[in-house]
PDB file of N, CA and C in Angstrom:
ATOM      1  N   UNK A   1      26.123 -18.028  42.174  1.00  0.00           N
ATOM      2  CA  UNK A   1      25.878 -19.305  41.514  1.00  0.00           C
ATOM      3  C   UNK A   1      25.579 -20.376  42.558  1.00  0.00           C
ATOM      4  N   UNK A   2      24.641 -21.243  42.246  1.00  0.00           N
ATOM      5  CA  UNK A   2      24.369 -22.363  43.137  1.00  0.00           C
ATOM      6  C   UNK A   2      25.396 -23.452  42.892  1.00  0.00           C
ATOM      7  N   UNK A   3      25.406 -24.466  43.759  1.00  0.00           N
ATOM      8  CA  UNK A   3      26.346 -25.577  43.580  1.00  0.00           C
ATOM      9  C   UNK A   3      26.153 -26.244  42.234  1.00  0.00           C
ATOM     10  N   UNK A   4      24.881 -26.413  41.806  1.00  0.00           N
ATOM     11  CA  UNK A   4      24.609 -27.052  40.515  1.00  0.00           C
ATOM     12  C   UNK A   4      25.185 -26.213  39.380  1.00  0.00           C
ATOM     13  N   UNK A   5      25.073 -24.875  39.493  1.00  0.00           N
ATOM     14  CA  UNK A   5      25.582 -23.999  38.444  1.00  0.00           C
ATOM     15  C   UNK A   5      27.106 -23.957  38.426  1.00  0.00           C
ATOM     16  N   UNK A   6      27.749 -24.246  39.558  1.00  0.00           N
ATOM     17  CA  UNK A   6      29.199 -24.237  39.597  1.00  0.00           C
ATOM     18  C   UNK A   6      29.789 -25.477  38.952  1.00  0.00           C
ATOM     19  N   UNK A   7      28.982 -26.518  38.786  1.00  0.00           N
ATOM     20  CA  UNK A   7      29.463 -27.686  38.063  1.00  0.00           C
ATOM     21  C   UNK A   7      29.718 -27.288  36.622  1.00  0.00           C
ATOM     22  N   UNK A   8      30.821 -27.709  36.050  1.00  0.00           N
ATOM     23  CA  UNK A   8      31.035 -27.412  34.635  1.00  0.00           C
ATOM     24  C   UNK A   8      29.909 -28.008  33.799  1.00  0.00           C
ATOM     25  N   UNK A   9      29.456 -27.246  32.837  1.00  0.00           N
ATOM     26  CA  UNK A   9      28.413 -27.710  31.933  1.00  0.00           C
ATOM     27  C   UNK A   9      28.847 -27.482  30.497  1.00  0.00           C
ATOM     28  N   UNK A  10      28.318 -28.294  29.613  1.00  0.00           N
ATOM     29  CA  UNK A  10      28.616 -28.138  28.196  1.00  0.00           C
ATOM     30  C   UNK A  10      28.129 -26.768  27.737  1.00  0.00           C
ATOM     31  N   UNK A  11      28.988 -26.011  27.100  1.00  0.00           N
ATOM     32  CA  UNK A  11      28.628 -24.674  26.630  1.00  0.00           C
ATOM     33  C   UNK A  11      27.647 -24.712  25.469  1.00  0.00           C
ATOM     34  N   UNK A  12      27.431 -25.883  24.886  1.00  0.00           N
ATOM     35  CA  UNK A  12      26.550 -26.013  23.731  1.00  0.00           C
ATOM     36  C   UNK A  12      25.164 -26.523  24.116  1.00  0.00           C
ATOM     37  N   UNK A  13      25.105 -27.612  24.907  1.00  0.00           N
ATOM     38  CA  UNK A  13      23.804 -28.204  25.251  1.00  0.00           C
ATOM     39  C   UNK A  13      23.404 -27.979  26.704  1.00  0.00           C
ATOM     40  N   UNK A  14      24.294 -27.433  27.505  1.00  0.00           N
ATOM     41  CA  UNK A  14      24.087 -27.103  28.917  1.00  0.00           C
ATOM     42  C   UNK A  14      23.964 -28.309  29.840  1.00  0.00           C
ATOM     43  N   UNK A  15      24.310 -29.512  29.366  1.00  0.00           N
ATOM     44  CA  UNK A  15      24.294 -30.669  30.255  1.00  0.00           C
ATOM     45  C   UNK A  15      25.462 -30.541  31.236  1.00  0.00           C
ATOM     46  N   UNK A  16      25.184 -30.860  32.506  1.00  0.00           N
ATOM     47  CA  UNK A  16      26.193 -30.751  33.552  1.00  0.00           C
ATOM     48  C   UNK A  16      27.157 -31.935  33.505  1.00  0.00           C
ATOM     49  N   UNK A  17      28.318 -31.733  34.093  1.00  0.00           N
ATOM     50  CA  UNK A  17      29.378 -32.734  34.123  1.00  0.00           C
ATOM     51  C   UNK A  17      28.881 -34.130  34.501  1.00  0.00           C
ATOM     52  N   UNK A  18      28.060 -34.287  35.557  1.00  0.00           N
ATOM     53  CA  UNK A  18      27.624 -35.644  35.917  1.00  0.00           C
ATOM     54  C   UNK A  18      26.672 -36.279  34.896  1.00  0.00           C
ATOM     55  N   UNK A  19      26.106 -35.476  34.017  1.00  0.00           N
ATOM     56  CA  UNK A  19      25.103 -35.963  33.076  1.00  0.00           C
ATOM     57  C   UNK A  19      25.663 -36.353  31.714  1.00  0.00           C
ATOM     58  N   UNK A  20      26.984 -36.260  31.540  1.00  0.00           N
ATOM     59  CA  UNK A  20      27.602 -36.601  30.256  1.00  0.00           C
ATOM     60  C   UNK A  20      28.705 -37.624  30.484  1.00  0.00           C
ATOM     61  N   UNK A  21      29.107 -38.288  29.412  1.00  0.00           N
ATOM     62  CA  UNK A  21      30.187 -39.263  29.524  1.00  0.00           C
ATOM     63  C   UNK A  21      31.537 -38.591  29.723  1.00  0.00           C
ATOM     64  N   UNK A  22      31.826 -37.594  28.904  1.00  0.00           N
ATOM     65  CA  UNK A  22      33.095 -36.870  28.969  1.00  0.00           C
ATOM     66  C   UNK A  22      32.812 -35.397  28.715  1.00  0.00           C
ATOM     67  N   UNK A  23      33.491 -34.544  29.454  1.00  0.00           N
ATOM     68  CA  UNK A  23      33.373 -33.109  29.266  1.00  0.00           C
ATOM     69  C   UNK A  23      34.784 -32.564  29.052  1.00  0.00           C
ATOM     70  N   UNK A  24      35.023 -31.993  27.868  1.00  0.00           N
ATOM     71  CA  UNK A  24      36.339 -31.463  27.524  1.00  0.00           C
ATOM     72  C   UNK A  24      36.356 -29.977  27.858  1.00  0.00           C
ATOM     73  N   UNK A  25      37.398 -29.547  28.581  1.00  0.00           N
ATOM     74  CA  UNK A  25      37.504 -28.152  29.010  1.00  0.00           C
ATOM     75  C   UNK A  25      38.372 -27.362  28.054  1.00  0.00           C
ATOM     76  N   UNK A  26      37.924 -26.150  27.786  1.00  0.00           N
ATOM     77  CA  UNK A  26      38.709 -25.179  27.043  1.00  0.00           C
ATOM     78  C   UNK A  26      38.879 -23.963  27.929  1.00  0.00           C
ATOM     79  N   UNK A  27      39.340 -22.845  27.392  1.00  0.00           N
ATOM     80  CA  UNK A  27      39.528 -21.649  28.215  1.00  0.00           C
ATOM     81  C   UNK A  27      38.184 -21.005  28.576  1.00  0.00           C
ATOM     82  N   UNK A  28      37.583 -21.508  29.654  1.00  0.00           N
ATOM     83  CA  UNK A  28      36.302 -20.964  30.109  1.00  0.00           C
ATOM     84  C   UNK A  28      35.096 -21.566  29.440  1.00  0.00           C
ATOM     85  N   UNK A  29      35.272 -22.537  28.582  1.00  0.00           N
ATOM     86  CA  UNK A  29      34.163 -23.209  27.909  1.00  0.00           C
ATOM     87  C   UNK A  29      34.364 -24.718  27.983  1.00  0.00           C
ATOM     88  N   UNK A  30      33.287 -25.437  27.775  1.00  0.00           N
ATOM     89  CA  UNK A  30      33.321 -26.894  27.830  1.00  0.00           C
ATOM     90  C   UNK A  30      32.486 -27.457  26.695  1.00  0.00           C
ATOM     91  N   UNK A  31      32.823 -28.684  26.267  1.00  0.00           N
ATOM     92  CA  UNK A  31      32.017 -29.373  25.268  1.00  0.00           C
ATOM     93  C   UNK A  31      31.942 -30.842  25.667  1.00  0.00           C
ATOM     94  N   UNK A  32      30.724 -31.400  25.587  1.00  0.00           N
ATOM     95  CA  UNK A  32      30.522 -32.792  25.995  1.00  0.00           C
ATOM     96  C   UNK A  32      30.746 -33.735  24.811  1.00  0.00           C
ATOM     97  N   UNK A  33      30.866 -35.009  25.146  1.00  0.00           N
ATOM     98  CA  UNK A  33      31.109 -36.018  24.118  1.00  0.00           C
ATOM     99  C   UNK A  33      29.976 -36.086  23.101  1.00  0.00           C
ATOM    100  N   UNK A  34      28.736 -35.845  23.533  1.00  0.00           N
ATOM    101  CA  UNK A  34      27.605 -35.877  22.599  1.00  0.00           C
ATOM    102  C   UNK A  34      27.692 -34.741  21.584  1.00  0.00           C
ATOM    103  N   UNK A  35      28.067 -33.553  22.045  1.00  0.00           N
ATOM    104  CA  UNK A  35      28.193 -32.422  21.124  1.00  0.00           C
ATOM    105  C   UNK A  35      29.400 -32.588  20.201  1.00  0.00           C
ATOM    106  N   UNK A  36      30.472 -33.201  20.721  1.00  0.00           N
ATOM    107  CA  UNK A  36      31.632 -33.493  19.870  1.00  0.00           C
ATOM    108  C   UNK A  36      31.218 -34.467  18.773  1.00  0.00           C
ATOM    109  N   UNK A  37      30.430 -35.498  19.137  1.00  0.00           N
ATOM    110  CA  UNK A  37      29.976 -36.477  18.135  1.00  0.00           C
ATOM    111  C   UNK A  37      29.122 -35.793  17.069  1.00  0.00           C
ATOM    112  N   UNK A  38      28.228 -34.903  17.493  1.00  0.00           N
ATOM    113  CA  UNK A  38      27.393 -34.177  16.529  1.00  0.00           C
ATOM    114  C   UNK A  38      28.259 -33.303  15.625  1.00  0.00           C
ATOM    115  N   UNK A  39      29.233 -32.613  16.203  1.00  0.00           N
ATOM    116  CA  UNK A  39      30.145 -31.788  15.397  1.00  0.00           C
ATOM    117  C   UNK A  39      30.911 -32.647  14.396  1.00  0.00           C
ATOM    118  N   UNK A  40      31.376 -33.805  14.844  1.00  0.00           N
ATOM    119  CA  UNK A  40      32.118 -34.708  13.954  1.00  0.00           C
ATOM    120  C   UNK A  40      31.248 -35.147  12.786  1.00  0.00           C
ATOM    121  N   UNK A  41      29.980 -35.465  13.058  1.00  0.00           N
ATOM    122  CA  UNK A  41      29.056 -35.847  11.985  1.00  0.00           C
ATOM    123  C   UNK A  41      28.855 -34.707  11.003  1.00  0.00           C
ATOM    124  N   UNK A  42      28.664 -33.501  11.522  1.00  0.00           N
ATOM    125  CA  UNK A  42      28.457 -32.336  10.656  1.00  0.00           C
ATOM    126  C   UNK A  42      29.683 -32.076   9.786  1.00  0.00           C
ATOM    127  N   UNK A  43      30.856 -32.167  10.375  1.00  0.00           N
ATOM    128  CA  UNK A  43      32.091 -31.939   9.617  1.00  0.00           C
ATOM    129  C   UNK A  43      32.287 -33.024   8.560  1.00  0.00           C
ATOM    130  N   UNK A  44      32.034 -34.268   8.937  1.00  0.00           N
ATOM    131  CA  UNK A  44      32.219 -35.383   7.999  1.00  0.00           C
ATOM    132  C   UNK A  44      31.242 -35.313   6.827  1.00  0.00           C
ATOM    133  N   UNK A  45      30.043 -34.788   7.068  1.00  0.00           N
ATOM    134  CA  UNK A  45      29.040 -34.750   6.004  1.00  0.00           C
ATOM    135  C   UNK A  45      29.098 -33.478   5.161  1.00  0.00           C
ATOM    136  N   UNK A  46      29.938 -32.549   5.544  1.00  0.00           N
ATOM    137  CA  UNK A  46      30.045 -31.282   4.816  1.00  0.00           C
ATOM    138  C   UNK A  46      30.771 -31.505   3.498  1.00  0.00           C
ATOM    139  N   UNK A  47      30.213 -31.011   2.397  1.00  0.00           N
ATOM    140  CA  UNK A  47      30.913 -31.171   1.117  1.00  0.00           C
ATOM    141  C   UNK A  47      32.214 -30.364   1.112  1.00  0.00           C
ATOM    142  N   UNK A  48      33.179 -30.876   0.371  1.00  0.00           N
ATOM    143  CA  UNK A  48      34.472 -30.184   0.256  1.00  0.00           C
ATOM    144  C   UNK A  48      34.257 -28.871  -0.494  1.00  0.00           C
ATOM    145  N   UNK A  49      34.818 -27.763   0.053  1.00  0.00           N
ATOM    146  CA  UNK A  49      34.635 -26.478  -0.629  1.00  0.00           C
ATOM    147  C   UNK A  49      35.481 -26.402  -1.900  1.00  0.00           C
ATOM    148  N   UNK A  50      34.990 -25.634  -2.838  1.00  0.00           N
ATOM    149  CA  UNK A  50      35.748 -25.353  -4.050  1.00  0.00           C
ATOM    150  C   UNK A  50      36.863 -24.380  -3.648  1.00  0.00           C
ATOM    151  N   UNK A  51      38.096 -24.772  -3.831  1.00  0.00           N
ATOM    152  CA  UNK A  51      39.239 -23.966  -3.389  1.00  0.00           C
ATOM    153  C   UNK A  51      39.301 -22.612  -4.098  1.00  0.00           C
ATOM    154  N   UNK A  52      38.653 -22.489  -5.227  1.00  0.00           N
ATOM    155  CA  UNK A  52      38.707 -21.231  -5.980  1.00  0.00           C
ATOM    156  C   UNK A  52      37.690 -20.216  -5.481  1.00  0.00           C
ATOM    157  N   UNK A  53      36.669 -20.699  -4.771  1.00  0.00           N
ATOM    158  CA  UNK A  53      35.656 -19.791  -4.233  1.00  0.00           C
ATOM    159  C   UNK A  53      35.934 -19.545  -2.758  1.00  0.00           C
ATOM    160  N   UNK A  54      35.800 -18.300  -2.317  1.00  0.00           N
ATOM    161  CA  UNK A  54      36.035 -18.026  -0.894  1.00  0.00           C
ATOM    162  C   UNK A  54      34.967 -18.709  -0.028  1.00  0.00           C
ATOM    163  N   UNK A  55      35.366 -19.119   1.161  1.00  0.00           N
ATOM    164  CA  UNK A  55      34.438 -19.750   2.091  1.00  0.00           C
ATOM    165  C   UNK A  55      33.602 -18.664   2.745  1.00  0.00           C
ATOM    166  N   UNK A  56      32.301 -18.814   2.668  1.00  0.00           N
ATOM    167  CA  UNK A  56      31.387 -17.841   3.257  1.00  0.00           C
ATOM    168  C   UNK A  56      31.176 -18.207   4.724  1.00  0.00           C
ATOM    169  N   UNK A  57      31.473 -17.291   5.603  1.00  0.00           N
ATOM    170  CA  UNK A  57      31.324 -17.504   7.040  1.00  0.00           C
ATOM    171  C   UNK A  57      30.075 -16.768   7.515  1.00  0.00           C
ATOM    172  N   UNK A  58      29.295 -17.451   8.343  1.00  0.00           N
ATOM    173  CA  UNK A  58      28.074 -16.855   8.872  1.00  0.00           C
ATOM    174  C   UNK A  58      28.164 -16.868  10.397  1.00  0.00           C
ATOM    175  N   UNK A  59      27.926 -15.726  11.012  1.00  0.00           N
ATOM    176  CA  UNK A  59      27.902 -15.649  12.466  1.00  0.00           C
ATOM    177  C   UNK A  59      26.717 -16.463  12.978  1.00  0.00           C
ATOM    178  N   UNK A  60      26.849 -17.128  14.119  1.00  0.00           N
ATOM    179  CA  UNK A  60      25.763 -17.970  14.629  1.00  0.00           C
ATOM    180  C   UNK A  60      24.435 -17.227  14.761  1.00  0.00           C
ATOM    181  N   UNK A  61      24.457 -15.976  15.191  1.00  0.00           N
ATOM    182  CA  UNK A  61      23.223 -15.221  15.359  1.00  0.00           C
ATOM    183  C   UNK A  61      22.578 -14.888  14.018  1.00  0.00           C
ATOM    184  N   UNK A  62      23.379 -14.822  12.955  1.00  0.00           N
ATOM    185  CA  UNK A  62      22.815 -14.577  11.626  1.00  0.00           C
ATOM    186  C   UNK A  62      22.253 -15.850  10.999  1.00  0.00           C
ATOM    187  N   UNK A  63      22.652 -17.006  11.526  1.00  0.00           N
ATOM    188  CA  UNK A  63      22.163 -18.274  10.991  1.00  0.00           C
ATOM    189  C   UNK A  63      20.791 -18.636  11.558  1.00  0.00           C
ATOM    190  N   UNK A  64      20.393 -17.992  12.659  1.00  0.00           N
ATOM    191  CA  UNK A  64      19.093 -18.287  13.266  1.00  0.00           C
ATOM    192  C   UNK A  64      17.969 -17.827  12.341  1.00  0.00           C
ATOM    193  N   UNK A  65      16.908 -18.631  12.275  1.00  0.00           N
ATOM    194  CA  UNK A  65      15.832 -18.399  11.305  1.00  0.00           C
ATOM    195  C   UNK A  65      14.861 -17.306  11.708  1.00  0.00           C
ATOM    196  N   UNK A  66      14.632 -17.108  12.971  1.00  0.00           N
ATOM    197  CA  UNK A  66      13.642 -16.114  13.376  1.00  0.00           C
ATOM    198  C   UNK A  66      13.802 -15.738  14.834  1.00  0.00           C
ATOM    199  N   UNK A  67      12.908 -14.889  15.291  1.00  0.00           N
ATOM    200  CA  UNK A  67      12.993 -14.378  16.647  1.00  0.00           C
ATOM    201  C   UNK A  67      12.892 -15.501  17.684  1.00  0.00           C
ATOM    202  N   UNK A  68      12.065 -16.511  17.441  1.00  0.00           N
ATOM    203  CA  UNK A  68      11.936 -17.610  18.406  1.00  0.00           C
ATOM    204  C   UNK A  68      13.252 -18.371  18.555  1.00  0.00           C
ATOM    205  N   UNK A  69      13.930 -18.615  17.453  1.00  0.00           N
ATOM    206  CA  UNK A  69      15.211 -19.321  17.506  1.00  0.00           C
ATOM    207  C   UNK A  69      16.263 -18.473  18.217  1.00  0.00           C
ATOM    208  N   UNK A  70      16.288 -17.188  17.953  1.00  0.00           N
ATOM    209  CA  UNK A  70      17.240 -16.289  18.608  1.00  0.00           C
ATOM    210  C   UNK A  70      16.959 -16.248  20.109  1.00  0.00           C
ATOM    211  N   UNK A  71      15.685 -16.105  20.481  1.00  0.00           N
ATOM    212  CA  UNK A  71      15.325 -16.065  21.901  1.00  0.00           C
ATOM    213  C   UNK A  71      15.644 -17.378  22.596  1.00  0.00           C
ATOM    214  N   UNK A  72      15.488 -18.496  21.902  1.00  0.00           N
ATOM    215  CA  UNK A  72      15.804 -19.800  22.486  1.00  0.00           C
ATOM    216  C   UNK A  72      17.304 -19.940  22.746  1.00  0.00           C
ATOM    217  N   UNK A  73      18.122 -19.248  21.970  1.00  0.00           N
ATOM    218  CA  UNK A  73      19.576 -19.314  22.149  1.00  0.00           C
ATOM    219  C   UNK A  73      20.074 -18.428  23.283  1.00  0.00           C
ATOM    220  N   UNK A  74      19.316 -17.415  23.647  1.00  0.00           N
ATOM    221  CA  UNK A  74      19.778 -16.469  24.663  1.00  0.00           C
ATOM    222  C   UNK A  74      20.166 -17.122  25.986  1.00  0.00           C
ATOM    223  N   UNK A  75      19.369 -18.042  26.543  1.00  0.00           N
ATOM    224  CA  UNK A  75      19.784 -18.655  27.818  1.00  0.00           C
ATOM    225  C   UNK A  75      21.096 -19.422  27.711  1.00  0.00           C
ATOM    226  N   UNK A  76      21.313 -20.117  26.597  1.00  0.00           N
ATOM    227  CA  UNK A  76      22.568 -20.860  26.419  1.00  0.00           C
ATOM    228  C   UNK A  76      23.749 -19.910  26.340  1.00  0.00           C
ATOM    229  N   UNK A  77      23.596 -18.829  25.614  1.00  0.00           N
ATOM    230  CA  UNK A  77      24.677 -17.859  25.475  1.00  0.00           C
ATOM    231  C   UNK A  77      24.953 -17.183  26.818  1.00  0.00           C
ATOM    232  N   UNK A  78      23.899 -16.821  27.536  1.00  0.00           N
ATOM    233  CA  UNK A  78      24.070 -16.193  28.848  1.00  0.00           C
ATOM    234  C   UNK A  78      24.756 -17.147  29.815  1.00  0.00           C
ATOM    235  N   UNK A  79      24.353 -18.406  29.802  1.00  0.00           N
ATOM    236  CA  UNK A  79      24.963 -19.394  30.698  1.00  0.00           C
ATOM    237  C   UNK A  79      26.445 -19.586  30.372  1.00  0.00           C
ATOM    238  N   UNK A  80      26.768 -19.659  29.100  1.00  0.00           N
ATOM    239  CA  UNK A  80      28.175 -19.813  28.704  1.00  0.00           C
ATOM    240  C   UNK A  80      28.991 -18.614  29.180  1.00  0.00           C
ATOM    241  N   UNK A  81      28.419 -17.420  29.080  1.00  0.00           N
ATOM    242  CA  UNK A  81      29.113 -16.222  29.556  1.00  0.00           C
ATOM    243  C   UNK A  81      29.320 -16.240  31.059  1.00  0.00           C
ATOM    244  N   UNK A  82      28.297 -16.656  31.801  1.00  0.00           N
ATOM    245  CA  UNK A  82      28.411 -16.753  33.258  1.00  0.00           C
ATOM    246  C   UNK A  82      29.466 -17.788  33.647  1.00  0.00           C
ATOM    247  N   UNK A  83      29.469 -18.905  32.943  1.00  0.00           N
ATOM    248  CA  UNK A  83      30.442 -19.951  33.228  1.00  0.00           C
ATOM    249  C   UNK A  83      31.864 -19.455  32.943  1.00  0.00           C
ATOM    250  N   UNK A  84      32.049 -18.772  31.827  1.00  0.00           N
ATOM    251  CA  UNK A  84      33.371 -18.238  31.487  1.00  0.00           C
ATOM    252  C   UNK A  84      33.808 -17.200  32.518  1.00  0.00           C
ATOM    253  N   UNK A  85      32.897 -16.367  32.973  1.00  0.00           N
ATOM    254  CA  UNK A  85      33.215 -15.354  33.985  1.00  0.00           C
ATOM    255  C   UNK A  85      33.614 -16.019  35.304  1.00  0.00           C
ATOM    256  N   UNK A  86      32.919 -17.075  35.677  1.00  0.00           N
ATOM    257  CA  UNK A  86      33.247 -17.815  36.896  1.00  0.00           C
ATOM    258  C   UNK A  86      34.651 -18.424  36.798  1.00  0.00           C
ATOM    259  N   UNK A  87      34.953 -19.046  35.673  1.00  0.00           N
ATOM    260  CA  UNK A  87      36.273 -19.666  35.485  1.00  0.00           C
ATOM    261  C   UNK A  87      37.358 -18.591  35.496  1.00  0.00           C
ATOM    262  N   UNK A  88      37.117 -17.462  34.843  1.00  0.00           N
ATOM    263  CA  UNK A  88      38.087 -16.363  34.839  1.00  0.00           C
ATOM    264  C   UNK A  88      38.368 -15.902  36.267  1.00  0.00           C
ATOM    265  N   UNK A  89      37.331 -15.739  37.064  1.00  0.00           N
ATOM    266  CA  UNK A  89      37.503 -15.308  38.449  1.00  0.00           C
ATOM    267  C   UNK A  89      38.335 -16.325  39.236  1.00  0.00           C
ATOM    268  N   UNK A  90      38.135 -17.603  38.963  1.00  0.00           N
ATOM    269  CA  UNK A  90      38.916 -18.632  39.663  1.00  0.00           C
ATOM    270  C   UNK A  90      40.388 -18.569  39.261  1.00  0.00           C
ATOM    271  N   UNK A  91      40.664 -18.306  37.997  1.00  0.00           N
ATOM    272  CA  UNK A  91      42.052 -18.159  37.547  1.00  0.00           C
ATOM    273  C   UNK A  91      42.696 -16.921  38.178  1.00  0.00           C
ATOM    274  N   UNK A  92      41.960 -15.830  38.264  1.00  0.00           N
ATOM    275  CA  UNK A  92      42.496 -14.627  38.905  1.00  0.00           C
ATOM    276  C   UNK A  92      42.781 -14.911  40.375  1.00  0.00           C
ATOM    277  N   UNK A  93      41.856 -15.582  41.052  1.00  0.00           N
ATOM    278  CA  UNK A  93      42.049 -15.946  42.450  1.00  0.00           C
ATOM    279  C   UNK A  93      43.313 -16.788  42.620  1.00  0.00           C
ATOM    280  N   UNK A  94      43.503 -17.755  41.739  1.00  0.00           N
ATOM    281  CA  UNK A  94      44.693 -18.612  41.796  1.00  0.00           C
ATOM    282  C   UNK A  94      45.961 -17.799  41.544  1.00  0.00           C
ATOM    283  N   UNK A  95      45.909 -16.890  40.581  1.00  0.00           N
ATOM    284  CA  UNK A  95      47.070 -16.034  40.311  1.00  0.00           C
ATOM    285  C   UNK A  95      47.430 -15.220  41.545  1.00  0.00           C
ATOM    286  N   UNK A  96      46.436 -14.698  42.239  1.00  0.00           N
ATOM    287  CA  UNK A  96      46.689 -13.933  43.465  1.00  0.00           C
ATOM    288  C   UNK A  96      47.293 -14.828  44.539  1.00  0.00           C
ATOM    289  N   UNK A  97      46.777 -16.046  44.679  1.00  0.00           N
ATOM    290  CA  UNK A  97      47.318 -16.978  45.669  1.00  0.00           C
ATOM    291  C   UNK A  97      48.782 -17.300  45.385  1.00  0.00           C
ATOM    292  N   UNK A  98      49.131 -17.306  44.107  1.00  0.00           N
ATOM    293  CA  UNK A  98      50.507 -17.612  43.708  1.00  0.00           C
ATOM    294  C   UNK A  98      51.409 -16.382  43.739  1.00  0.00           C
ATOM    295  N   UNK A  99      50.860 -15.237  44.146  1.00  0.00           N
ATOM    296  CA  UNK A  99      51.673 -14.045  44.333  1.00  0.00           C
ATOM    297  C   UNK A  99      51.611 -13.005  43.239  1.00  0.00           C
ATOM    298  N   UNK A 100      50.761 -13.182  42.250  1.00  0.00           N
ATOM    299  CA  UNK A 100      50.662 -12.194  41.171  1.00  0.00           C
ATOM    300  C   UNK A 100      50.061 -10.895  41.708  1.00  0.00           C
ATOM    301  N   UNK A 101      50.601  -9.782  41.289  1.00  0.00           N
ATOM    302  CA  UNK A 101      50.074  -8.471  41.689  1.00  0.00           C
ATOM    303  C   UNK A 101      48.882  -8.115  40.808  1.00  0.00           C
ATOM    304  N   UNK A 102      48.114  -7.135  41.275  1.00  0.00           N
ATOM    305  CA  UNK A 102      46.990  -6.663  40.459  1.00  0.00           C
ATOM    306  C   UNK A 102      47.489  -6.038  39.161  1.00  0.00           C
ATOM    307  N   UNK A 103      48.663  -5.430  39.190  1.00  0.00           N
ATOM    308  CA  UNK A 103      49.230  -4.835  37.972  1.00  0.00           C
ATOM    309  C   UNK A 103      49.529  -5.913  36.935  1.00  0.00           C
ATOM    310  N   UNK A 104      50.105  -7.023  37.365  1.00  0.00           N
ATOM    311  CA  UNK A 104      50.439  -8.117  36.444  1.00  0.00           C
ATOM    312  C   UNK A 104      49.166  -8.768  35.914  1.00  0.00           C
ATOM    313  N   UNK A 105      48.185  -8.967  36.791  1.00  0.00           N
ATOM    314  CA  UNK A 105      46.908  -9.551  36.357  1.00  0.00           C
ATOM    315  C   UNK A 105      46.228  -8.624  35.357  1.00  0.00           C
ATOM    316  N   UNK A 106      46.209  -7.327  35.673  1.00  0.00           N
ATOM    317  CA  UNK A 106      45.615  -6.360  34.747  1.00  0.00           C
ATOM    318  C   UNK A 106      46.289  -6.387  33.390  1.00  0.00           C
ATOM    319  N   UNK A 107      47.618  -6.445  33.400  1.00  0.00           N
ATOM    320  CA  UNK A 107      48.370  -6.495  32.136  1.00  0.00           C
ATOM    321  C   UNK A 107      47.992  -7.749  31.346  1.00  0.00           C
ATOM    322  N   UNK A 108      47.896  -8.896  32.015  1.00  0.00           N
ATOM    323  CA  UNK A 108      47.540 -10.143  31.326  1.00  0.00           C
ATOM    324  C   UNK A 108      46.150 -10.073  30.722  1.00  0.00           C
ATOM    325  N   UNK A 109      45.262  -9.312  31.355  1.00  0.00           N
ATOM    326  CA  UNK A 109      43.882  -9.192  30.868  1.00  0.00           C
ATOM    327  C   UNK A 109      43.677  -7.984  29.968  1.00  0.00           C
ATOM    328  N   UNK A 110      44.731  -7.216  29.731  1.00  0.00           N
ATOM    329  CA  UNK A 110      44.614  -6.044  28.858  1.00  0.00           C
ATOM    330  C   UNK A 110      43.823  -4.912  29.495  1.00  0.00           C
ATOM    331  N   UNK A 111      43.959  -4.794  30.821  1.00  0.00           N
ATOM    332  CA  UNK A 111      43.255  -3.718  31.524  1.00  0.00           C
ATOM    333  C   UNK A 111      44.178  -3.112  32.570  1.00  0.00           C
ATOM    334  N   UNK A 112      43.786  -2.001  33.114  1.00  0.00           N
ATOM    335  CA  UNK A 112      44.576  -1.348  34.149  1.00  0.00           C
ATOM    336  C   UNK A 112      44.525  -2.150  35.444  1.00  0.00           C
ATOM    337  N   UNK A 113      45.540  -1.970  36.272  1.00  0.00           N
ATOM    338  CA  UNK A 113      45.592  -2.621  37.586  1.00  0.00           C
ATOM    339  C   UNK A 113      44.328  -2.321  38.379  1.00  0.00           C
ATOM    340  N   UNK A 114      43.932  -1.048  38.375  1.00  0.00           N
ATOM    341  CA  UNK A 114      42.756  -0.624  39.121  1.00  0.00           C
ATOM    342  C   UNK A 114      41.491  -1.322  38.604  1.00  0.00           C
ATOM    343  N   UNK A 115      41.377  -1.459  37.294  1.00  0.00           N
ATOM    344  CA  UNK A 115      40.214  -2.139  36.720  1.00  0.00           C
ATOM    345  C   UNK A 115      40.175  -3.608  37.123  1.00  0.00           C
ATOM    346  N   UNK A 116      41.331  -4.257  37.127  1.00  0.00           N
ATOM    347  CA  UNK A 116      41.394  -5.665  37.546  1.00  0.00           C
ATOM    348  C   UNK A 116      40.998  -5.791  39.005  1.00  0.00           C
ATOM    349  N   UNK A 117      41.518  -4.906  39.835  1.00  0.00           N
ATOM    350  CA  UNK A 117      41.192  -4.938  41.261  1.00  0.00           C
ATOM    351  C   UNK A 117      39.695  -4.727  41.479  1.00  0.00           C
ATOM    352  N   UNK A 118      39.124  -3.724  40.801  1.00  0.00           N
ATOM    353  CA  UNK A 118      37.694  -3.433  40.964  1.00  0.00           C
ATOM    354  C   UNK A 118      36.831  -4.610  40.526  1.00  0.00           C
ATOM    355  N   UNK A 119      37.233  -5.265  39.473  1.00  0.00           N
ATOM    356  CA  UNK A 119      36.419  -6.370  38.930  1.00  0.00           C
ATOM    357  C   UNK A 119      36.546  -7.635  39.764  1.00  0.00           C
ATOM    358  N   UNK A 120      37.738  -7.917  40.290  1.00  0.00           N
ATOM    359  CA  UNK A 120      37.978  -9.230  40.906  1.00  0.00           C
ATOM    360  C   UNK A 120      38.320  -9.222  42.387  1.00  0.00           C
ATOM    361  N   UNK A 121      38.554  -8.079  43.011  1.00  0.00           N
ATOM    362  CA  UNK A 121      39.026  -8.091  44.394  1.00  0.00           C
ATOM    363  C   UNK A 121      38.007  -8.677  45.370  1.00  0.00           C
ATOM    364  N   UNK A 122      36.752  -8.629  45.032  1.00  0.00           N
ATOM    365  CA  UNK A 122      35.731  -9.236  45.883  1.00  0.00           C
ATOM    366  C   UNK A 122      35.797 -10.747  45.886  1.00  0.00           C
ATOM    367  N   UNK A 123      36.569 -11.328  44.976  1.00  0.00           N
ATOM    368  CA  UNK A 123      36.698 -12.787  44.863  1.00  0.00           C
ATOM    369  C   UNK A 123      37.666 -13.350  45.887  1.00  0.00           C
ATOM    370  N   UNK A 124      38.488 -12.476  46.513  1.00  0.00           N
ATOM    371  CA  UNK A 124      39.515 -12.968  47.442  1.00  0.00           C
ATOM    372  C   UNK A 124      38.901 -13.280  48.791  1.00  0.00           C
TER     373      UNK A 124
END
């Protein structure tokens, strides 16, 4: 990753930390104040569901209208994955600095000690 890519960026619009007013961090993801405002507008304008009818949930990839829309989303999804992977590696590095063993890290990640070591040992 370049220095620009290491800057936290909004997982939704890909704007970098210096380019937004506020960037809220989650576990490996971020959302900027502009995207929060858009989400708030969408939620506020959504009609109240009928409690007797089940809420229909649609996966984001199923909501896309066509191949062009799906292809346009791929870079954002890939970037969010890269950003989450980078943050995960930093947390593993910090855990190691604080004395966590590969066995404990593997257990926390739901993988074997050897798998954790193979995936993250190059980060030390």
